[in-house]
Amino acid sequence: MKVNTFPDRILNVENENYLYFGGTAYLGLPTNKKFQKLLINNILQWGTAYGSSRSANIELTAYENGETFLAEFIKADAAITVSSGMLAGKIVIDVLQNQTDHFFHFPNIHTAIKSTNSLPVFIQNEINPRLLDNTKERITILTDAVPSFSTEPTALSILNKIPTNKEITLVIDESHSLGILGTNGCGIFSTVNYPNIKRKIMLSSLGKAFGLTGGIIASNTQFIQQIRTNDSFVSSAGMNPAFVQTISDARKVYIKQHHKLKDNLGYLKKKLIVNKTFNFNSEYPLIYLETDDVNLLLEKNKIIVANFKYASGTKELNRIVITANHKKKDLDQIIAILNQF
């Protein structure tokens, strides 16, 4: 289905309006007038692009402003931006290659944080015995904050079972939790405080809830400095400086839109009748559909949801996406359909 305007809550297809419950603009920022005005003003100051290395002799204050805000918002010691969430993941894995004896991964992690020869955290639903042996080594554990096909954060308490002879670095991809979970949408990074984790690293796309093309890496100051000297970081252009400055300038907009999203989720919690045809968590803006019968009824009522294959070899993503921009009358239509089942 081709459209010629940004897919917000309403799509016009061949002169017919459809309700749209797809995408990843959880805070509804791409069409938010205040957000757009901030961004336009920053483009007028910083230009449309800056194709220079961050290590060049000219330093733009936009990067410092945006990255300082992000570190404070996430509650990390330091943060740095790159041009995409995918690049953020690839650079983190690259830097960790020489600091890790073995990588381990939770199920369904995003491609951005996959590492060659990584071992699964679980084997047949039990913790990998390799994590429990007496070998003294540095390990890196890779996880999404909220995996695909899930509405709950990854349960990380299993890490407490790993003995102290393992020096743990934890990498969390927060592309689908930053701007959504935590205080004002700060994510889960600051809440992960297990005593046997020596270092934690957060990365995320900013092109979802935060509404801007780019990526972020946050951790302790030492690790962020290592990112700054990484060849891939040095040799690539940074995130658009107008976008990075807008991150700092839009802090009040983020908080307001987060409150609107939470209000919409609270409304759904009160009205939805829980049943086996869908998976819903009132703290999270995705409703996963478990039967095609629901899709047929949605289509009949001119409602479009997210339905596509995210990666080869996986089942189709079939989900309703709630944003801050949806109105109660939109939600009522979703509620009426889901409650029929």
Protein backbone atom coordinates (compact mmCIF):
# COMPACT_ATOMS: atom_id res chain seq x y z
CA MET A 1 0.00 0.00 0.00
CA LYS A 2 1.61 3.25 -1.19
CA VAL A 3 0.89 6.61 0.48
CA ASN A 4 2.19 10.10 -0.25
CA THR A 5 2.10 11.63 3.25
CA PHE A 6 3.60 10.61 6.58
CA PRO A 7 1.56 7.74 8.08
CA ASP A 8 0.24 9.29 11.29
CA ARG A 9 -3.11 8.25 12.83
CA ILE A 10 -4.98 8.73 9.54
CA LEU A 11 -3.96 7.44 6.11
CA ASN A 12 -5.60 8.54 2.90
CA VAL A 13 -5.47 5.79 0.30
CA GLU A 14 -7.18 6.40 -3.06
CA ASN A 15 -9.36 9.11 -1.49
CA GLU A 16 -10.45 6.89 1.38
CA ASN A 17 -9.41 7.45 4.98
CA TYR A 18 -8.07 4.61 7.09
CA LEU A 19 -7.11 4.56 10.76
CA TYR A 20 -3.42 3.70 11.08
CA PHE A 21 -2.04 1.68 13.97
CA GLY A 22 1.42 0.83 12.63
CA GLY A 23 4.93 2.25 12.47
CA THR A 24 7.20 3.10 15.39
CA ALA A 25 6.47 6.80 16.00
CA TYR A 26 5.36 5.97 19.55
CA LEU A 27 5.44 9.58 20.78
CA GLY A 28 3.86 10.95 17.59
CA LEU A 29 6.71 13.41 17.04
CA PRO A 30 7.17 13.43 13.24
CA THR A 31 3.90 15.37 12.82
CA ASN A 32 4.00 17.30 16.12
CA LYS A 33 3.92 21.03 15.28
CA LYS A 34 6.07 22.18 18.21
CA PHE A 35 8.63 19.49 17.47
CA GLN A 36 8.67 20.36 13.78
CA LYS A 37 9.20 24.05 14.57
CA LEU A 38 12.19 23.27 16.80
CA LEU A 39 13.68 21.07 14.10
CA ILE A 40 13.12 23.60 11.31
CA ASN A 41 14.78 26.35 13.37
CA ASN A 42 17.75 24.09 13.98
CA ILE A 43 18.06 23.25 10.30
CA LEU A 44 18.20 26.99 9.60
CA GLN A 45 21.08 27.26 12.08
CA TRP A 46 22.95 23.99 11.47
CA GLY A 47 22.08 23.19 7.85
CA THR A 48 20.54 20.07 6.36
CA ALA A 49 23.59 17.82 6.83
CA TYR A 50 27.19 17.88 8.07
CA GLY A 51 29.27 15.27 6.27
CA SER A 52 32.37 15.54 8.41
CA SER A 53 34.05 13.28 10.93
CA ARG A 54 33.37 14.01 14.59
CA SER A 55 37.16 13.96 15.03
CA ALA A 56 37.71 16.93 12.69
CA ASN A 57 39.28 20.13 13.99
CA ILE A 58 35.89 21.90 13.94
CA GLU A 59 33.55 20.88 16.79
CA LEU A 60 29.86 21.73 16.66
CA THR A 61 28.26 22.56 20.01
CA ALA A 62 25.03 20.89 18.87
CA TYR A 63 26.60 17.49 19.60
CA GLU A 64 27.61 18.44 23.12
CA ASN A 65 24.16 19.89 23.84
CA GLY A 66 22.23 16.87 22.61
CA GLU A 67 24.54 14.25 24.08
CA THR A 68 24.65 15.92 27.48
CA PHE A 69 20.85 15.89 27.57
CA LEU A 70 20.68 12.25 26.49
CA ALA A 71 23.15 11.13 29.18
CA GLU A 72 21.15 12.97 31.85
CA PHE A 73 17.83 11.67 30.49
CA ILE A 74 18.97 8.04 30.36
CA LYS A 75 20.86 8.43 33.68
CA ALA A 76 24.20 7.35 32.21
CA ASP A 77 27.66 8.78 32.82
CA ALA A 78 28.10 9.66 29.16
CA ALA A 79 26.42 9.31 25.77
CA ILE A 80 27.37 9.74 22.13
CA THR A 81 25.32 9.89 18.93
CA VAL A 82 25.90 8.26 15.56
CA SER A 83 24.02 8.35 12.27
CA SER A 84 21.79 5.30 12.94
CA GLY A 85 20.82 2.75 15.55
CA MET A 86 22.24 -0.01 13.37
CA LEU A 87 25.63 1.73 13.28
CA ALA A 88 25.47 2.20 17.06
CA GLY A 89 25.12 -1.55 17.49
CA LYS A 90 27.85 -2.43 15.02
CA ILE A 91 30.35 -0.02 16.60
CA VAL A 92 29.61 -1.32 20.12
CA ILE A 93 30.17 -4.92 19.03
CA ASP A 94 33.35 -3.89 17.19
CA VAL A 95 34.82 -2.19 20.26
CA LEU A 96 33.91 -5.12 22.50
CA GLN A 97 35.53 -7.76 20.26
CA ASN A 98 38.96 -7.22 21.85
CA GLN A 99 37.51 -6.95 25.36
CA THR A 100 35.43 -10.12 25.36
CA ASP A 101 36.35 -13.78 25.54
CA HIS A 102 32.82 -14.96 24.69
CA PHE A 103 29.57 -13.34 23.63
CA PHE A 104 26.18 -14.67 24.79
CA HIS A 105 22.76 -13.56 23.57
CA PHE A 106 19.17 -13.61 24.76
CA PRO A 107 16.53 -14.88 22.28
CA ASN A 108 15.27 -12.73 19.40
CA ILE A 109 17.92 -10.00 19.60
CA HIS A 110 18.05 -7.37 16.87
CA THR A 111 20.51 -7.76 14.01
CA ALA A 112 22.32 -4.61 15.17
CA ILE A 113 23.79 -6.38 18.21
CA LYS A 114 24.38 -9.85 16.80
CA SER A 115 27.95 -11.14 17.06
CA THR A 116 29.53 -13.99 15.16
CA ASN A 117 29.99 -17.11 17.31
CA SER A 118 27.77 -15.73 20.09
CA LEU A 119 26.30 -18.47 22.28
CA PRO A 120 22.68 -18.57 23.52
CA VAL A 121 21.97 -17.62 27.14
CA PHE A 122 19.37 -20.40 27.25
CA ILE A 123 19.51 -23.98 25.98
CA GLN A 124 16.16 -25.78 26.07
CA ASN A 125 14.78 -23.11 28.44
CA GLU A 126 17.63 -23.61 30.94
CA ILE A 127 20.58 -21.30 31.48
CA ASN A 128 23.53 -22.29 29.32
CA PRO A 129 25.90 -24.44 31.47
CA ARG A 130 28.75 -22.56 29.82
CA LEU A 131 27.73 -19.53 31.88
CA LEU A 132 27.92 -21.48 35.13
CA ASP A 133 31.32 -23.19 34.83
CA ASN A 134 34.51 -22.31 36.68
CA THR A 135 36.29 -20.67 33.75
CA LYS A 136 37.51 -17.19 34.60
CA GLU A 137 36.73 -15.00 31.62
CA ARG A 138 35.26 -11.77 30.29
CA ILE A 139 31.80 -12.26 28.81
CA THR A 140 29.43 -9.91 27.02
CA ILE A 141 25.70 -10.58 27.19
CA LEU A 142 23.54 -9.11 24.41
CA THR A 143 19.83 -8.40 24.81
CA ASP A 144 16.97 -6.28 23.55
CA ALA A 145 15.20 -4.36 26.31
CA VAL A 146 11.91 -5.61 24.85
CA PRO A 147 12.29 -8.39 22.26
CA SER A 148 10.25 -8.66 19.08
CA PHE A 149 6.88 -10.39 19.60
CA SER A 150 6.93 -9.41 23.28
CA THR A 151 5.29 -6.67 25.34
CA GLU A 152 7.37 -7.26 28.48
CA PRO A 153 10.98 -6.24 29.19
CA THR A 154 13.52 -9.05 29.06
CA ALA A 155 13.79 -10.74 32.46
CA LEU A 156 17.43 -10.12 33.39
CA SER A 157 17.36 -11.53 36.94
CA ILE A 158 18.80 -14.75 35.48
CA LEU A 159 22.13 -12.90 35.44
CA ASN A 160 22.30 -13.30 39.22
CA LYS A 161 22.96 -17.01 38.69
CA ILE A 162 26.20 -16.36 36.81
CA PRO A 163 29.19 -16.84 39.16
CA THR A 164 31.66 -14.07 39.98
CA ASN A 165 34.46 -15.68 37.96
CA LYS A 166 32.64 -14.28 34.90
CA GLU A 167 33.29 -10.58 34.31
CA ILE A 168 30.01 -9.43 32.77
CA THR A 169 29.44 -6.64 30.27
CA LEU A 170 25.74 -6.20 29.48
CA VAL A 171 24.64 -4.63 26.18
CA ILE A 172 20.99 -3.53 25.99
CA ASP A 173 19.31 -2.44 22.75
CA GLU A 174 16.62 0.06 23.83
CA SER A 175 15.29 0.99 20.40
CA HIS A 176 11.78 -0.05 21.45
CA SER A 177 11.92 1.08 25.09
CA LEU A 178 13.61 4.51 25.02
CA GLY A 179 10.85 7.11 25.11
CA ILE A 180 8.36 4.49 26.34
CA LEU A 181 9.42 2.73 29.54
CA GLY A 182 10.81 4.30 32.71
CA THR A 183 10.38 7.78 34.18
CA ASN A 184 9.30 10.13 31.38
CA GLY A 185 10.45 7.45 28.92
CA CYS A 186 14.09 7.25 30.06
CA GLY A 187 14.23 3.51 29.30
CA ILE A 188 15.37 0.63 31.52
CA PHE A 189 19.14 1.29 31.57
CA SER A 190 19.17 2.99 34.96
CA THR A 191 17.09 0.23 36.58
CA VAL A 192 19.46 -2.63 35.65
CA ASN A 193 21.67 -2.81 38.73
CA TYR A 194 22.66 -6.42 39.32
CA PRO A 195 25.81 -6.65 41.46
CA ASN A 196 27.71 -9.05 39.19
CA ILE A 197 27.51 -6.74 36.13
CA LYS A 198 30.81 -4.89 35.82
CA ARG A 199 29.75 -2.67 32.93
CA LYS A 200 26.49 -1.94 31.13
CA ILE A 201 26.09 -0.37 27.71
CA MET A 202 22.88 0.97 26.24
CA LEU A 203 22.30 1.67 22.56
CA SER A 204 19.22 2.71 20.66
CA SER A 205 17.79 4.03 17.46
CA LEU A 206 16.50 7.59 17.84
CA GLY A 207 14.28 7.21 14.79
CA LYS A 208 11.42 5.58 16.67
CA ALA A 209 9.98 7.23 19.80
CA PHE A 210 12.41 10.18 19.56
CA GLY A 211 11.42 10.95 15.98
CA LEU A 212 14.88 11.72 14.58
CA THR A 213 17.17 9.73 12.30
CA GLY A 214 20.19 8.68 14.34
CA GLY A 215 21.47 6.40 17.06
CA ILE A 216 22.82 6.67 20.59
CA ILE A 217 25.33 4.77 22.73
CA ALA A 218 25.41 5.36 26.50
CA SER A 219 27.66 3.87 29.16
CA ASN A 220 30.47 4.89 31.51
CA THR A 221 32.82 7.68 30.42
CA GLN A 222 35.70 5.32 29.68
CA PHE A 223 33.70 3.22 27.22
CA ILE A 224 32.28 6.26 25.42
CA GLN A 225 35.83 7.54 25.00
CA GLN A 226 36.71 4.21 23.39
CA ILE A 227 33.83 4.72 20.97
CA ARG A 228 35.25 8.14 20.04
CA THR A 229 38.55 6.56 18.96
CA ASN A 230 37.00 3.61 17.10
CA ASP A 231 37.88 3.60 13.39
CA SER A 232 34.27 3.23 12.26
CA PHE A 233 33.20 6.19 14.40
CA VAL A 234 36.12 8.39 13.36
CA SER A 235 35.74 7.63 9.66
CA SER A 236 31.98 8.19 9.45
CA ALA A 237 29.95 11.39 9.50
CA GLY A 238 28.01 12.10 12.65
CA MET A 239 24.29 12.35 13.18
CA ASN A 240 22.76 15.43 11.59
CA PRO A 241 23.70 18.26 14.03
CA ALA A 242 20.29 19.94 13.60
CA PHE A 243 18.71 16.68 14.80
CA VAL A 244 21.08 16.36 17.77
CA GLN A 245 20.40 19.93 18.89
CA THR A 246 16.66 19.29 18.58
CA ILE A 247 17.00 16.39 21.02
CA SER A 248 18.07 18.85 23.69
CA ASP A 249 15.58 21.55 22.74
CA ALA A 250 12.58 19.19 22.68
CA ARG A 251 12.83 17.83 26.23
CA LYS A 252 9.47 19.33 27.26
CA VAL A 253 7.80 17.97 24.14
CA TYR A 254 9.08 14.46 24.87
CA ILE A 255 7.66 14.54 28.39
CA LYS A 256 4.28 15.88 27.25
CA GLN A 257 3.96 13.29 24.49
CA HIS A 258 5.02 10.50 26.86
CA HIS A 259 2.20 11.50 29.22
CA LYS A 260 -0.27 11.37 26.31
CA LEU A 261 0.95 7.90 25.35
CA LYS A 262 0.60 6.68 28.94
CA ASP A 263 -2.91 8.13 29.07
CA ASN A 264 -3.87 6.22 25.92
CA LEU A 265 -2.49 2.98 27.35
CA GLY A 266 -4.40 3.56 30.60
CA TYR A 267 -7.59 4.06 28.59
CA LEU A 268 -7.05 0.74 26.81
CA LYS A 269 -6.39 -0.99 30.11
CA LYS A 270 -9.79 0.12 31.43
CA LYS A 271 -11.77 -0.83 28.33
CA LEU A 272 -10.12 -3.90 26.80
CA ILE A 273 -11.40 -7.36 27.70
CA VAL A 274 -8.32 -9.58 27.85
CA ASN A 275 -8.55 -12.72 25.71
CA LYS A 276 -6.28 -15.15 23.86
CA THR A 277 -6.53 -13.43 20.50
CA PHE A 278 -4.08 -10.68 21.47
CA ASN A 279 -1.17 -9.89 23.78
CA PHE A 280 -1.40 -6.52 25.57
CA ASN A 281 0.56 -4.93 28.42
CA SER A 282 -0.77 -1.58 29.64
CA GLU A 283 2.80 -0.27 30.06
CA TYR A 284 3.71 -0.91 26.43
CA PRO A 285 2.24 0.46 23.17
CA LEU A 286 2.17 -2.74 21.10
CA ILE A 287 -0.71 -5.22 20.90
CA TYR A 288 0.36 -8.45 19.22
CA LEU A 289 -2.43 -10.23 17.35
CA GLU A 290 -2.55 -14.00 17.64
CA THR A 291 -5.17 -14.77 14.98
CA ASP A 292 -5.78 -13.69 11.38
CA ASP A 293 -9.51 -13.38 12.15
CA VAL A 294 -8.77 -10.10 13.95
CA ASN A 295 -6.86 -8.78 10.93
CA LEU A 296 -9.80 -9.49 8.63
CA LEU A 297 -12.18 -7.57 10.87
CA LEU A 298 -9.75 -4.66 11.20
CA GLU A 299 -9.39 -4.41 7.43
CA LYS A 300 -13.16 -4.54 7.03
CA ASN A 301 -13.40 -1.52 9.37
CA LYS A 302 -10.70 0.41 7.46
CA ILE A 303 -8.02 -0.02 10.10
CA ILE A 304 -4.43 -0.70 9.03
CA VAL A 305 -1.96 -2.31 11.45
CA ALA A 306 1.69 -3.35 11.16
CA ASN A 307 1.99 -6.62 9.30
CA PHE A 308 5.29 -7.66 7.72
CA LYS A 309 8.20 -10.08 8.03
CA TYR A 310 10.93 -8.36 10.08
CA ALA A 311 13.77 -10.74 9.19
CA SER A 312 14.25 -13.82 7.05
CA GLY A 313 13.33 -17.05 8.76
CA THR A 314 10.98 -15.42 11.28
CA LYS A 315 7.20 -15.28 11.49
CA GLU A 316 5.36 -12.15 10.45
CA LEU A 317 5.06 -9.26 12.87
CA ASN A 318 1.34 -8.72 13.32
CA ARG A 319 0.72 -5.89 15.75
CA ILE A 320 -1.35 -2.86 16.63
CA VAL A 321 0.84 0.14 17.45
CA ILE A 322 -0.52 2.77 19.84
CA THR A 323 0.95 6.29 19.68
CA ALA A 324 0.55 9.50 21.62
CA ASN A 325 -1.37 10.95 18.66
CA HIS A 326 -4.23 8.46 18.71
CA LYS A 327 -7.51 9.90 19.95
CA LYS A 328 -9.94 8.15 22.27
CA LYS A 329 -12.36 7.68 19.36
CA ASP A 330 -9.60 5.81 17.48
CA LEU A 331 -8.95 3.58 20.47
CA ASP A 332 -12.68 2.92 20.86
CA GLN A 333 -12.74 1.33 17.41
CA ILE A 334 -9.82 -0.96 18.28
CA ILE A 335 -11.43 -1.82 21.62
CA ALA A 336 -14.78 -2.68 20.03
CA ILE A 337 -13.13 -5.08 17.57
CA LEU A 338 -10.80 -6.80 20.05
CA ASN A 339 -13.59 -7.19 22.61
CA GLN A 340 -15.66 -9.14 20.09
CA PHE A 341 -13.25 -12.03 20.51
